[in-house]
Amino acid sequence: MLPKIEEFKRWSADSVRKVCIENNLYTAGDNEDYEHMLDWVGRLYPSTENIYFIADDIYRHSENQTISNIMFVLANHAVITCYEIDGDDNR
């Protein structure tokens, strides 16, 4: 029998900014648009829907990208996933 496992996901404006820089994203947007998008990151839980929302904004301000590629990069390089087992991390 599996123990109770909880999954927690987090991201930050800094982690999304790093992904954008490393992947040459958001090159067609201005600073105001970029800061607005990063503000949304700070307010949103990184669910699939919210990753899509941010990826769509990045897509609209980037060149030669697809939303699915941006989602993949965000989910794998900007989102941190942590687990808690039975409320005890020492297990």
N, C-alpha and C. Protein backbone atom coordinates (compact mmCIF):
# COMPACT_ATOMS: atom_id res chain seq x y z
N MET A 1 0.83 -1.18 0.00
CA MET A 1 0.00 0.00 0.00
C MET A 1 0.88 1.25 0.00
N LEU A 2 0.56 2.16 -0.87
CA LEU A 2 1.34 3.39 -0.96
C LEU A 2 1.01 4.32 0.19
N PRO A 3 2.02 5.02 0.69
CA PRO A 3 1.75 6.05 1.70
C PRO A 3 1.08 7.25 1.03
N LYS A 4 0.54 8.13 1.83
CA LYS A 4 -0.04 9.36 1.31
C LYS A 4 1.10 10.23 0.78
N ILE A 5 0.99 10.60 -0.49
CA ILE A 5 2.03 11.42 -1.13
C ILE A 5 1.38 12.69 -1.66
N GLU A 6 1.94 13.82 -1.27
CA GLU A 6 1.46 15.11 -1.78
C GLU A 6 2.51 15.70 -2.68
N GLU A 7 2.05 16.28 -3.79
CA GLU A 7 2.93 16.92 -4.75
C GLU A 7 2.72 18.43 -4.68
N PHE A 8 3.81 19.16 -4.64
CA PHE A 8 3.77 20.61 -4.61
C PHE A 8 4.61 21.14 -5.77
N LYS A 9 4.06 22.08 -6.53
CA LYS A 9 4.79 22.69 -7.63
C LYS A 9 4.97 24.18 -7.34
N ARG A 10 6.13 24.67 -7.73
CA ARG A 10 6.42 26.08 -7.53
C ARG A 10 7.22 26.60 -8.73
N TRP A 11 7.05 27.87 -9.00
CA TRP A 11 7.89 28.56 -9.95
C TRP A 11 8.04 29.97 -9.46
N SER A 12 8.93 30.72 -10.06
CA SER A 12 9.14 32.10 -9.64
C SER A 12 9.42 32.95 -10.88
N ALA A 13 9.30 34.24 -10.70
CA ALA A 13 9.65 35.15 -11.79
C ALA A 13 11.10 34.93 -12.20
N ASP A 14 11.98 34.70 -11.23
CA ASP A 14 13.39 34.48 -11.55
C ASP A 14 13.61 33.21 -12.36
N SER A 15 12.89 32.13 -12.02
CA SER A 15 13.08 30.89 -12.77
C SER A 15 12.55 31.03 -14.20
N VAL A 16 11.45 31.74 -14.39
CA VAL A 16 10.90 31.96 -15.74
C VAL A 16 11.81 32.91 -16.51
N ARG A 17 12.31 33.93 -15.85
CA ARG A 17 13.25 34.86 -16.50
C ARG A 17 14.48 34.11 -16.99
N LYS A 18 15.01 33.21 -16.16
CA LYS A 18 16.19 32.43 -16.53
C LYS A 18 15.90 31.57 -17.75
N VAL A 19 14.73 30.93 -17.79
CA VAL A 19 14.34 30.11 -18.95
C VAL A 19 14.27 30.97 -20.20
N CYS A 20 13.68 32.15 -20.08
CA CYS A 20 13.57 33.04 -21.24
C CYS A 20 14.95 33.44 -21.76
N ILE A 21 15.85 33.78 -20.86
CA ILE A 21 17.20 34.19 -21.28
C ILE A 21 17.94 33.03 -21.92
N GLU A 22 17.92 31.86 -21.27
CA GLU A 22 18.67 30.70 -21.77
C GLU A 22 18.13 30.18 -23.09
N ASN A 23 16.85 30.43 -23.39
CA ASN A 23 16.23 29.90 -24.60
C ASN A 23 15.88 30.97 -25.62
N ASN A 24 16.40 32.17 -25.41
CA ASN A 24 16.21 33.28 -26.33
C ASN A 24 14.72 33.55 -26.58
N LEU A 25 13.96 33.59 -25.50
CA LEU A 25 12.52 33.83 -25.57
C LEU A 25 12.20 35.27 -25.16
N TYR A 26 11.05 35.71 -25.51
CA TYR A 26 10.52 37.04 -25.20
C TYR A 26 11.38 38.15 -25.81
N THR A 27 11.94 37.87 -26.97
CA THR A 27 12.80 38.84 -27.64
C THR A 27 12.00 39.88 -28.43
N ALA A 28 10.69 39.65 -28.62
CA ALA A 28 9.87 40.59 -29.39
C ALA A 28 8.93 41.40 -28.49
N GLY A 29 9.19 41.39 -27.20
CA GLY A 29 8.36 42.14 -26.27
C GLY A 29 9.14 43.28 -25.64
N ASP A 30 8.42 44.25 -25.12
CA ASP A 30 9.10 45.35 -24.43
C ASP A 30 9.16 45.04 -22.93
N ASN A 31 9.87 45.88 -22.20
CA ASN A 31 10.07 45.64 -20.76
C ASN A 31 8.76 45.65 -19.98
N GLU A 32 7.83 46.50 -20.37
CA GLU A 32 6.54 46.57 -19.67
C GLU A 32 5.76 45.26 -19.83
N ASP A 33 5.73 44.73 -21.06
CA ASP A 33 5.06 43.45 -21.30
C ASP A 33 5.74 42.32 -20.52
N TYR A 34 7.05 42.32 -20.54
CA TYR A 34 7.84 41.28 -19.86
C TYR A 34 7.58 41.30 -18.36
N GLU A 35 7.62 42.47 -17.76
CA GLU A 35 7.37 42.59 -16.32
C GLU A 35 5.94 42.19 -15.97
N HIS A 36 4.99 42.53 -16.83
CA HIS A 36 3.60 42.16 -16.62
C HIS A 36 3.46 40.63 -16.60
N MET A 37 4.11 39.95 -17.55
CA MET A 37 4.07 38.49 -17.60
C MET A 37 4.70 37.90 -16.35
N LEU A 38 5.85 38.43 -15.93
CA LEU A 38 6.52 37.92 -14.74
C LEU A 38 5.70 38.17 -13.48
N ASP A 39 4.96 39.26 -13.44
CA ASP A 39 4.05 39.50 -12.30
C ASP A 39 2.99 38.41 -12.23
N TRP A 40 2.46 38.00 -13.39
CA TRP A 40 1.47 36.91 -13.41
C TRP A 40 2.08 35.62 -12.86
N VAL A 41 3.32 35.34 -13.22
CA VAL A 41 3.99 34.14 -12.71
C VAL A 41 3.96 34.14 -11.19
N GLY A 42 4.24 35.28 -10.59
CA GLY A 42 4.26 35.39 -9.14
C GLY A 42 2.90 35.16 -8.48
N ARG A 43 1.82 35.35 -9.23
CA ARG A 43 0.47 35.21 -8.69
C ARG A 43 -0.16 33.86 -8.98
N LEU A 44 0.40 33.11 -9.91
CA LEU A 44 -0.25 31.88 -10.37
C LEU A 44 0.46 30.62 -9.88
N TYR A 45 -0.33 29.61 -9.55
CA TYR A 45 0.20 28.27 -9.28
C TYR A 45 0.54 27.64 -10.64
N PRO A 46 1.66 26.93 -10.76
CA PRO A 46 2.04 26.40 -12.06
C PRO A 46 1.26 25.14 -12.49
N SER A 47 -0.04 25.26 -12.60
CA SER A 47 -0.87 24.19 -13.14
C SER A 47 -0.66 24.13 -14.65
N THR A 48 -1.15 23.09 -15.27
CA THR A 48 -1.04 22.98 -16.73
C THR A 48 -1.68 24.18 -17.41
N GLU A 49 -2.84 24.59 -16.93
CA GLU A 49 -3.54 25.72 -17.53
C GLU A 49 -2.74 27.01 -17.38
N ASN A 50 -2.14 27.22 -16.22
CA ASN A 50 -1.37 28.44 -16.00
C ASN A 50 -0.04 28.42 -16.74
N ILE A 51 0.56 27.26 -16.87
CA ILE A 51 1.77 27.15 -17.69
C ILE A 51 1.42 27.52 -19.13
N TYR A 52 0.26 27.04 -19.60
CA TYR A 52 -0.19 27.41 -20.94
C TYR A 52 -0.39 28.93 -21.04
N PHE A 53 -1.03 29.52 -20.06
CA PHE A 53 -1.29 30.97 -20.06
C PHE A 53 0.01 31.76 -20.20
N ILE A 54 1.02 31.40 -19.42
CA ILE A 54 2.31 32.09 -19.49
C ILE A 54 3.03 31.77 -20.79
N ALA A 55 2.98 30.50 -21.21
CA ALA A 55 3.64 30.11 -22.47
C ALA A 55 3.03 30.86 -23.66
N ASP A 56 1.72 31.05 -23.64
CA ASP A 56 1.06 31.79 -24.72
C ASP A 56 1.55 33.23 -24.76
N ASP A 57 1.71 33.85 -23.62
CA ASP A 57 2.23 35.22 -23.57
C ASP A 57 3.66 35.25 -24.11
N ILE A 58 4.47 34.31 -23.66
CA ILE A 58 5.86 34.24 -24.14
C ILE A 58 5.87 34.01 -25.66
N TYR A 59 5.03 33.09 -26.12
CA TYR A 59 4.93 32.79 -27.56
C TYR A 59 4.63 34.05 -28.37
N ARG A 60 3.67 34.85 -27.89
CA ARG A 60 3.28 36.06 -28.62
C ARG A 60 4.37 37.12 -28.63
N HIS A 61 5.39 36.95 -27.80
CA HIS A 61 6.49 37.90 -27.74
C HIS A 61 7.83 37.25 -28.11
N SER A 62 7.75 36.15 -28.84
CA SER A 62 8.96 35.43 -29.25
C SER A 62 8.88 35.11 -30.74
N GLU A 63 10.00 34.71 -31.29
CA GLU A 63 10.07 34.33 -32.70
C GLU A 63 10.44 32.87 -32.83
N ASN A 64 9.89 32.22 -33.84
CA ASN A 64 10.25 30.84 -34.18
C ASN A 64 10.07 29.86 -33.02
N GLN A 65 8.93 29.93 -32.36
CA GLN A 65 8.64 29.05 -31.24
C GLN A 65 7.24 28.47 -31.39
N THR A 66 6.97 27.43 -30.64
CA THR A 66 5.61 26.90 -30.52
C THR A 66 5.22 26.97 -29.05
N ILE A 67 3.94 27.05 -28.80
CA ILE A 67 3.47 27.10 -27.42
C ILE A 67 3.84 25.81 -26.70
N SER A 68 3.69 24.67 -27.38
CA SER A 68 4.00 23.40 -26.71
C SER A 68 5.47 23.31 -26.34
N ASN A 69 6.36 23.83 -27.16
CA ASN A 69 7.78 23.84 -26.82
C ASN A 69 8.04 24.74 -25.61
N ILE A 70 7.42 25.90 -25.60
CA ILE A 70 7.61 26.81 -24.46
C ILE A 70 7.05 26.19 -23.19
N MET A 71 5.91 25.53 -23.29
CA MET A 71 5.34 24.84 -22.12
C MET A 71 6.30 23.78 -21.60
N PHE A 72 6.89 23.00 -22.51
CA PHE A 72 7.84 21.96 -22.12
C PHE A 72 9.02 22.57 -21.38
N VAL A 73 9.57 23.63 -21.93
CA VAL A 73 10.73 24.27 -21.30
C VAL A 73 10.36 24.84 -19.93
N LEU A 74 9.22 25.49 -19.83
CA LEU A 74 8.79 26.03 -18.54
C LEU A 74 8.60 24.91 -17.52
N ALA A 75 7.86 23.87 -17.91
CA ALA A 75 7.55 22.78 -16.98
C ALA A 75 8.79 22.03 -16.52
N ASN A 76 9.79 21.94 -17.38
CA ASN A 76 10.98 21.16 -17.05
C ASN A 76 12.15 21.97 -16.52
N HIS A 77 12.10 23.30 -16.69
CA HIS A 77 13.23 24.10 -16.24
C HIS A 77 12.86 25.27 -15.34
N ALA A 78 11.59 25.65 -15.28
CA ALA A 78 11.19 26.77 -14.42
C ALA A 78 10.36 26.30 -13.23
N VAL A 79 9.69 25.17 -13.38
CA VAL A 79 8.83 24.66 -12.31
C VAL A 79 9.60 23.64 -11.48
N ILE A 80 9.54 23.81 -10.18
CA ILE A 80 10.13 22.87 -9.23
C ILE A 80 9.01 22.04 -8.64
N THR A 81 9.17 20.72 -8.67
CA THR A 81 8.17 19.82 -8.09
C THR A 81 8.78 19.15 -6.86
N CYS A 82 8.07 19.25 -5.73
CA CYS A 82 8.51 18.65 -4.47
C CYS A 82 7.44 17.68 -3.99
N TYR A 83 7.84 16.74 -3.16
CA TYR A 83 6.92 15.73 -2.64
C TYR A 83 7.04 15.65 -1.13
N GLU A 84 5.91 15.39 -0.49
CA GLU A 84 5.88 15.13 0.94
C GLU A 84 5.17 13.79 1.13
N ILE A 85 5.84 12.90 1.85
CA ILE A 85 5.31 11.56 2.05
C ILE A 85 4.82 11.42 3.48
N ASP A 86 3.53 11.13 3.65
CA ASP A 86 2.91 10.97 4.97
C ASP A 86 3.21 12.13 5.90
N GLY A 87 3.40 13.31 5.37
CA GLY A 87 3.70 14.47 6.19
C GLY A 87 5.09 14.43 6.82
N ASP A 88 5.94 13.49 6.36
CA ASP A 88 7.27 13.31 6.95
C ASP A 88 8.29 13.25 5.82
N ASP A 89 9.13 14.26 5.72
CA ASP A 89 10.16 14.28 4.67
C ASP A 89 11.36 13.38 5.00
N ASN A 90 11.39 12.80 6.18
CA ASN A 90 12.53 11.96 6.58
C ASN A 90 12.36 10.51 6.15
N ARG A 91 11.29 10.23 5.50
CA ARG A 91 11.03 8.86 5.09
C ARG A 91 11.82 8.48 3.88
